[in-house]
Amino acid sequence: MKSLLLLSTLFLFSFSASTQDRFVSADYNEYFEWFNERSQTPQQYEKGALLYVFGHDIKVFNGPCEQAEVVTQLAMGQQVRNLVSFDEAFNVTEEEINGYGDIWYQVGGKDKAGKTFSGYLWGGHLAKAWTLHDFTGDNRKELVMLGLSPSPKKSLKDIKAEIRILQDDHLLYQKIVPGLCVFEDCGSSVLLRILPDAPVKGAFMLEASTMTISCFAGIEKAFYSWDGGRLELVFHAEFTNQHQYANQAFKLSNDQGSVQLCRFSHEDKNYEPVWACKVIELAPPKDNAENKPKAVPLVRAR
């Protein structure tokens, strides 16, 4: 539903000529198609789509409100199936919870006890994008999800998304993405993906991005490097107004001991990030003689 609405809006505004670079122009048509081919957002609104629970002990109700009877509770990472096609839905209920406006999904599946259920789940408790990747190097892929931060929003400055990595249904790691707008009121398409062999062969980057199409266009992207134990933000920017929030140089090492210093450079014609990397020289180890601790002088009794 959202992708169709955004596409129609895109075409509506593509004929408006404006000197302001944030207004939608025909230049965004190709990028819009590229983004939504990779985004999970269009599939979220389809009947039968598999969705992932983003929070802990999330309640499913027998009606689209928190005052309804609780049907069951679900664990983080559990799959549910969307039971309604939003293109065909006559009425979709939306509610604001913790300052975030999102819609209610009618879902079904099996709970933690294996019991079949159906009911309503608020969209802010679902992952907005997800992928699989082996973060730990044990040849088993972890589930990585991008969703809404549970911290309340009282102003626009409070908007936060969150990346969560699950290993065997246990939360392995989580990372706040400040300012990334992934709840329904934003009207954005959401993308979470792994870029293999980036910025160098054998490494990988994680991208968390949104694209919003309306009277104004917004393309916001954040890239993270995984150091083996945590995600390091290396680049975060709003592309349509060319505002950078972060562009950090980061180090990568290989088994041969070579170390490279990398930084985001630009996007190529296929909208893929290009990284500028250079090998850096490490300081040679000092001679053993220099490394030896100095002898402590003896104090002799007189």
Protein backbone atom coordinates (compact mmCIF):
# COMPACT_ATOMS: atom_id res chain seq x y z
CA MET A 1 0.00 0.00 0.00
CA LYS A 2 2.69 2.46 1.01
CA SER A 3 4.85 1.80 -2.06
CA LEU A 4 1.91 2.42 -4.41
CA LEU A 5 1.00 5.65 -2.64
CA LEU A 6 4.59 6.85 -2.71
CA LEU A 7 4.97 5.99 -6.37
CA SER A 8 1.84 7.91 -7.35
CA THR A 9 3.02 10.88 -5.29
CA LEU A 10 6.43 10.69 -6.92
CA PHE A 11 4.96 10.94 -10.40
CA LEU A 12 2.63 13.74 -9.32
CA PHE A 13 5.48 15.92 -8.15
CA SER A 14 8.01 14.88 -10.78
CA PHE A 15 6.55 17.47 -13.15
CA SER A 16 7.12 20.36 -10.73
CA ALA A 17 10.14 22.45 -11.61
CA SER A 18 11.87 23.95 -8.63
CA THR A 19 15.29 25.25 -7.77
CA GLN A 20 15.08 23.69 -4.31
CA ASP A 21 16.97 20.40 -4.39
CA ARG A 22 14.63 18.80 -1.83
CA PHE A 23 11.61 18.98 -4.11
CA VAL A 24 10.95 15.76 -5.99
CA SER A 25 12.03 15.80 -9.61
CA ALA A 26 12.17 13.21 -12.37
CA ASP A 27 15.71 12.42 -11.20
CA TYR A 28 14.23 10.43 -8.32
CA ASN A 29 12.21 8.04 -10.48
CA GLU A 30 15.09 5.68 -11.20
CA TYR A 31 16.36 5.82 -7.62
CA PHE A 32 12.88 5.14 -6.26
CA GLU A 33 12.64 1.93 -8.32
CA TRP A 34 16.18 0.87 -7.30
CA PHE A 35 15.45 1.45 -3.61
CA ASN A 36 12.14 -0.38 -3.49
CA GLU A 37 13.52 -3.39 -5.36
CA ARG A 38 15.79 -3.86 -2.34
CA SER A 39 13.52 -2.60 0.45
CA GLN A 40 11.30 -4.93 2.50
CA THR A 41 8.63 -2.23 2.85
CA PRO A 42 6.49 -3.09 -0.21
CA GLN A 43 6.12 -6.70 0.98
CA GLN A 44 5.03 -5.71 4.49
CA TYR A 45 1.57 -4.72 3.29
CA GLU A 46 0.86 -7.85 1.27
CA LYS A 47 -1.47 -10.57 2.48
CA GLY A 48 0.55 -13.59 3.60
CA ALA A 49 3.76 -11.64 4.18
CA LEU A 50 6.02 -12.99 6.93
CA LEU A 51 6.94 -10.33 9.48
CA TYR A 52 9.26 -10.36 12.51
CA VAL A 53 8.44 -9.27 16.06
CA PHE A 54 10.87 -6.55 17.12
CA GLY A 55 10.30 -6.20 20.88
CA HIS A 56 10.28 -8.34 24.03
CA ASP A 57 7.03 -10.04 25.17
CA ILE A 58 4.90 -8.21 22.63
CA LYS A 59 1.16 -8.51 23.16
CA VAL A 60 -1.31 -9.56 20.46
CA PHE A 61 -4.88 -8.33 21.03
CA ASN A 62 -8.26 -9.50 19.78
CA GLY A 63 -8.96 -5.99 18.49
CA PRO A 64 -6.88 -3.08 17.08
CA CYS A 65 -6.25 -1.29 20.39
CA GLU A 66 -4.36 -1.85 23.64
CA GLN A 67 -7.62 -1.91 25.61
CA ALA A 68 -8.72 -5.11 23.84
CA GLU A 69 -8.30 -8.59 25.31
CA VAL A 70 -4.79 -10.04 25.09
CA VAL A 71 -4.65 -13.11 22.86
CA THR A 72 -0.99 -14.07 23.42
CA GLN A 73 2.52 -12.68 23.86
CA LEU A 74 5.36 -13.09 21.39
CA ALA A 75 9.13 -13.16 21.76
CA MET A 76 11.60 -11.04 19.82
CA GLY A 77 12.36 -12.46 16.41
CA GLN A 78 9.22 -14.58 16.18
CA GLN A 79 7.55 -14.73 12.78
CA VAL A 80 3.95 -13.73 12.22
CA ARG A 81 1.97 -13.71 9.00
CA ASN A 82 0.09 -10.66 7.76
CA LEU A 83 -3.54 -11.74 7.24
CA VAL A 84 -4.76 -8.66 5.36
CA SER A 85 -3.86 -7.07 2.04
CA PHE A 86 -3.69 -3.34 2.75
CA ASP A 87 -4.40 -2.54 -0.89
CA GLU A 88 -7.82 -4.11 -0.40
CA ALA A 89 -8.45 -3.06 3.21
CA PHE A 90 -11.47 -0.80 3.62
CA ASN A 91 -10.28 0.63 6.93
CA VAL A 92 -6.88 0.53 8.62
CA THR A 93 -6.67 1.52 12.27
CA GLU A 94 -3.77 3.73 13.32
CA GLU A 95 -2.75 4.55 16.89
CA GLU A 96 -0.09 6.63 18.58
CA ILE A 97 1.93 4.77 21.22
CA ASN A 98 4.95 6.33 22.98
CA GLY A 99 4.62 9.32 20.65
CA TYR A 100 4.88 7.23 17.47
CA GLY A 101 1.98 6.77 15.06
CA ASP A 102 1.69 3.37 13.41
CA ILE A 103 -0.99 1.06 12.07
CA TRP A 104 -2.42 -2.16 13.51
CA TYR A 105 -1.68 -5.36 11.63
CA GLN A 106 -4.01 -8.34 11.69
CA VAL A 107 -1.62 -11.27 12.08
CA GLY A 108 -1.56 -14.97 12.73
CA GLY A 109 0.97 -17.63 13.60
CA LYS A 110 2.17 -19.76 16.48
CA ASP A 111 3.10 -18.42 19.89
CA LYS A 112 6.05 -19.43 22.09
CA ALA A 113 4.16 -22.53 23.22
CA GLY A 114 3.42 -23.56 19.65
CA LYS A 115 -0.27 -22.67 19.90
CA THR A 116 -1.94 -21.22 16.80
CA PHE A 117 -3.31 -17.68 17.22
CA SER A 118 -4.69 -14.71 15.29
CA GLY A 119 -5.16 -11.13 16.44
CA TYR A 120 -3.90 -7.57 16.13
CA LEU A 121 -0.33 -6.36 16.59
CA TRP A 122 0.74 -2.70 16.55
CA GLY A 123 3.13 -1.96 13.67
CA GLY A 124 5.71 -0.27 15.89
CA HIS A 125 6.38 -3.69 17.44
CA LEU A 126 7.34 -5.21 14.09
CA ALA A 127 10.69 -5.02 12.35
CA LYS A 128 10.54 -2.59 9.44
CA ALA A 129 13.39 -4.34 7.61
CA TRP A 130 15.46 -7.45 8.15
CA THR A 131 18.18 -9.63 6.66
CA LEU A 132 20.41 -12.59 7.59
CA HIS A 133 24.18 -12.58 7.94
CA ASP A 134 26.95 -14.44 9.79
CA PHE A 135 28.26 -11.76 12.15
CA THR A 136 30.14 -14.11 14.50
CA GLY A 137 32.03 -16.18 11.92
CA ASP A 138 30.58 -19.51 13.10
CA ASN A 139 29.04 -20.29 9.67
CA ARG A 140 25.54 -19.68 11.05
CA LYS A 141 23.56 -16.64 9.99
CA GLU A 142 22.12 -14.30 12.59
CA LEU A 143 18.84 -12.42 12.12
CA VAL A 144 19.43 -8.68 11.93
CA MET A 145 16.42 -6.37 12.16
CA LEU A 146 15.79 -2.64 11.89
CA GLY A 147 12.86 -1.28 13.85
CA LEU A 148 11.48 1.45 16.07
CA SER A 149 13.29 2.28 19.29
CA PRO A 150 11.10 1.67 22.38
CA SER A 151 12.16 4.96 23.98
CA PRO A 152 9.25 7.48 24.00
CA LYS A 153 9.16 10.36 21.51
CA LYS A 154 8.21 13.74 22.95
CA SER A 155 9.73 15.83 20.15
CA LEU A 156 11.29 15.37 16.73
CA LYS A 157 14.70 15.20 18.36
CA ASP A 158 13.63 11.98 20.10
CA ILE A 159 13.10 9.99 16.87
CA LYS A 160 15.24 6.86 16.95
CA ALA A 161 15.47 3.58 15.11
CA GLU A 162 17.34 0.57 16.39
CA ILE A 163 19.33 -2.29 14.87
CA ARG A 164 19.09 -5.63 16.66
CA ILE A 165 21.06 -8.80 15.96
CA LEU A 166 19.61 -12.09 17.20
CA GLN A 167 21.55 -15.31 17.60
CA ASP A 168 19.48 -18.43 18.32
CA ASP A 169 16.55 -16.25 19.47
CA HIS A 170 18.80 -14.36 21.92
CA LEU A 171 19.67 -10.69 21.55
CA LEU A 172 23.34 -10.61 20.60
CA TYR A 173 23.71 -6.89 19.96
CA GLN A 174 21.67 -3.70 19.58
CA LYS A 175 22.51 -0.27 18.20
CA ILE A 176 20.54 3.00 18.20
CA VAL A 177 20.24 4.87 14.86
CA PRO A 178 19.40 8.47 15.85
CA GLY A 179 16.92 10.34 13.67
CA LEU A 180 16.11 7.50 11.27
CA CYS A 181 12.33 7.67 10.74
CA VAL A 182 10.90 4.15 10.38
CA PHE A 183 7.39 4.41 11.90
CA GLU A 184 4.25 4.61 9.76
CA ASP A 185 3.68 8.37 10.11
CA CYS A 186 6.98 8.99 8.30
CA GLY A 187 5.61 7.44 5.10
CA SER A 188 9.09 6.11 4.33
CA SER A 189 10.35 2.98 2.66
CA VAL A 190 13.00 1.21 4.74
CA LEU A 191 16.09 -0.70 3.64
CA LEU A 192 18.43 -2.90 5.66
CA ARG A 193 21.13 -4.78 3.80
CA ILE A 194 24.62 -6.25 4.01
CA LEU A 195 27.23 -5.10 1.49
CA PRO A 196 29.77 -7.94 1.09
CA ASP A 197 33.44 -7.25 0.37
CA ALA A 198 32.99 -3.64 1.38
CA PRO A 199 34.98 -1.56 1.70
CA VAL A 200 37.66 -4.23 0.99
CA LYS A 201 37.55 -7.94 0.14
CA GLY A 202 36.57 -10.08 3.11
CA ALA A 203 34.96 -7.21 5.06
CA PHE A 204 31.32 -6.13 4.97
CA MET A 205 29.21 -3.09 5.68
CA LEU A 206 25.68 -2.83 7.07
CA GLU A 207 23.38 -0.19 5.58
CA ALA A 208 20.25 1.18 7.29
CA SER A 209 18.39 3.62 5.04
CA THR A 210 15.05 5.28 4.43
CA MET A 211 13.50 7.02 1.45
CA THR A 212 10.51 9.32 1.82
CA ILE A 213 8.51 10.62 -1.12
CA SER A 214 5.91 13.35 -0.70
CA CYS A 215 5.96 17.11 -1.27
CA PHE A 216 9.56 16.76 -0.17
CA ALA A 217 11.94 13.87 -0.76
CA GLY A 218 14.23 12.49 1.89
CA ILE A 219 17.00 9.96 1.37
CA GLU A 220 18.80 9.12 4.60
CA LYS A 221 21.55 6.51 4.83
CA ALA A 222 23.70 5.15 7.62
CA PHE A 223 26.59 2.71 7.11
CA TYR A 224 28.15 0.60 9.84
CA SER A 225 31.34 -1.43 10.02
CA TRP A 226 31.40 -4.58 12.20
CA ASP A 227 34.59 -4.95 14.24
CA GLY A 228 33.80 -8.46 15.43
CA GLY A 229 31.88 -7.39 18.51
CA ARG A 230 30.04 -4.17 17.74
CA LEU A 231 28.77 -1.94 14.94
CA GLU A 232 30.77 1.22 14.32
CA LEU A 233 28.98 4.10 12.59
CA VAL A 234 31.21 5.26 9.74
CA PHE A 235 28.85 7.38 7.64
CA HIS A 236 25.39 8.92 8.13
CA ALA A 237 23.87 11.55 5.86
CA GLU A 238 20.69 13.02 4.42
CA PHE A 239 21.45 12.89 0.70
CA THR A 240 18.78 15.18 -0.71
CA ASN A 241 20.04 18.20 1.22
CA GLN A 242 23.64 16.92 1.39
CA HIS A 243 23.81 17.13 5.16
CA GLN A 244 26.33 14.81 6.81
CA TYR A 245 25.81 13.70 10.39
CA ALA A 246 28.95 11.56 10.50
CA ASN A 247 31.84 10.57 8.24
CA GLN A 248 34.40 8.73 10.33
CA ALA A 249 37.63 7.14 9.16
CA PHE A 250 37.95 3.54 10.34
CA LYS A 251 40.64 0.87 10.32
CA LEU A 252 40.50 -2.60 8.81
CA SER A 253 43.16 -5.27 9.23
CA ASN A 254 43.70 -8.63 7.52
CA ASP A 255 45.39 -11.88 8.48
CA GLN A 256 48.69 -10.70 6.98
CA GLY A 257 48.81 -7.77 9.39
CA SER A 258 48.13 -5.11 6.77
CA VAL A 259 46.00 -2.23 8.06
CA GLN A 260 43.91 0.08 5.90
CA LEU A 261 42.31 3.37 6.82
CA CYS A 262 38.97 3.84 5.02
CA ARG A 263 36.37 6.58 4.70
CA PHE A 264 33.16 7.06 2.69
CA SER A 265 33.88 8.88 -0.58
CA HIS A 266 30.72 9.06 -2.71
CA GLU A 267 28.00 7.05 -4.45
CA ASP A 268 28.58 5.60 -7.91
CA LYS A 269 26.09 5.71 -10.79
CA ASN A 270 24.42 2.54 -9.43
CA TYR A 271 23.79 4.23 -6.03
CA GLU A 272 26.39 2.03 -4.33
CA PRO A 273 28.82 3.54 -1.80
CA VAL A 274 32.42 4.07 -2.85
CA TRP A 275 35.09 3.93 -0.16
CA ALA A 276 38.49 5.57 -0.17
CA CYS A 277 41.04 3.30 1.52
CA LYS A 278 44.80 3.44 1.94
CA VAL A 279 47.31 1.14 3.60
CA ILE A 280 48.83 2.71 6.67
CA GLU A 281 52.25 1.96 8.07
CA LEU A 282 52.35 0.70 11.62
CA ALA A 283 55.13 1.83 13.91
CA PRO A 284 57.85 -0.88 13.98
CA PRO A 285 58.33 -2.66 17.30
CA LYS A 286 61.04 -1.24 19.47
CA ASP A 287 64.25 -3.17 20.11
CA ASN A 288 64.21 -5.58 22.99
CA ALA A 289 66.82 -3.49 24.71
CA GLU A 290 64.54 -0.48 24.61
CA ASN A 291 61.59 -2.53 25.82
CA LYS A 292 63.42 -3.87 28.87
CA PRO A 293 62.33 -2.22 32.09
CA LYS A 294 64.97 -0.07 33.68
CA ALA A 295 66.70 -1.58 36.67
CA VAL A 296 65.63 -0.20 39.98
CA PRO A 297 68.67 1.11 41.85
CA LEU A 298 69.47 -0.73 45.03
CA VAL A 299 69.35 1.20 48.27
CA ARG A 300 72.19 0.17 50.54
CA ALA A 301 72.13 0.60 54.26
CA ARG A 302 74.86 2.81 55.56
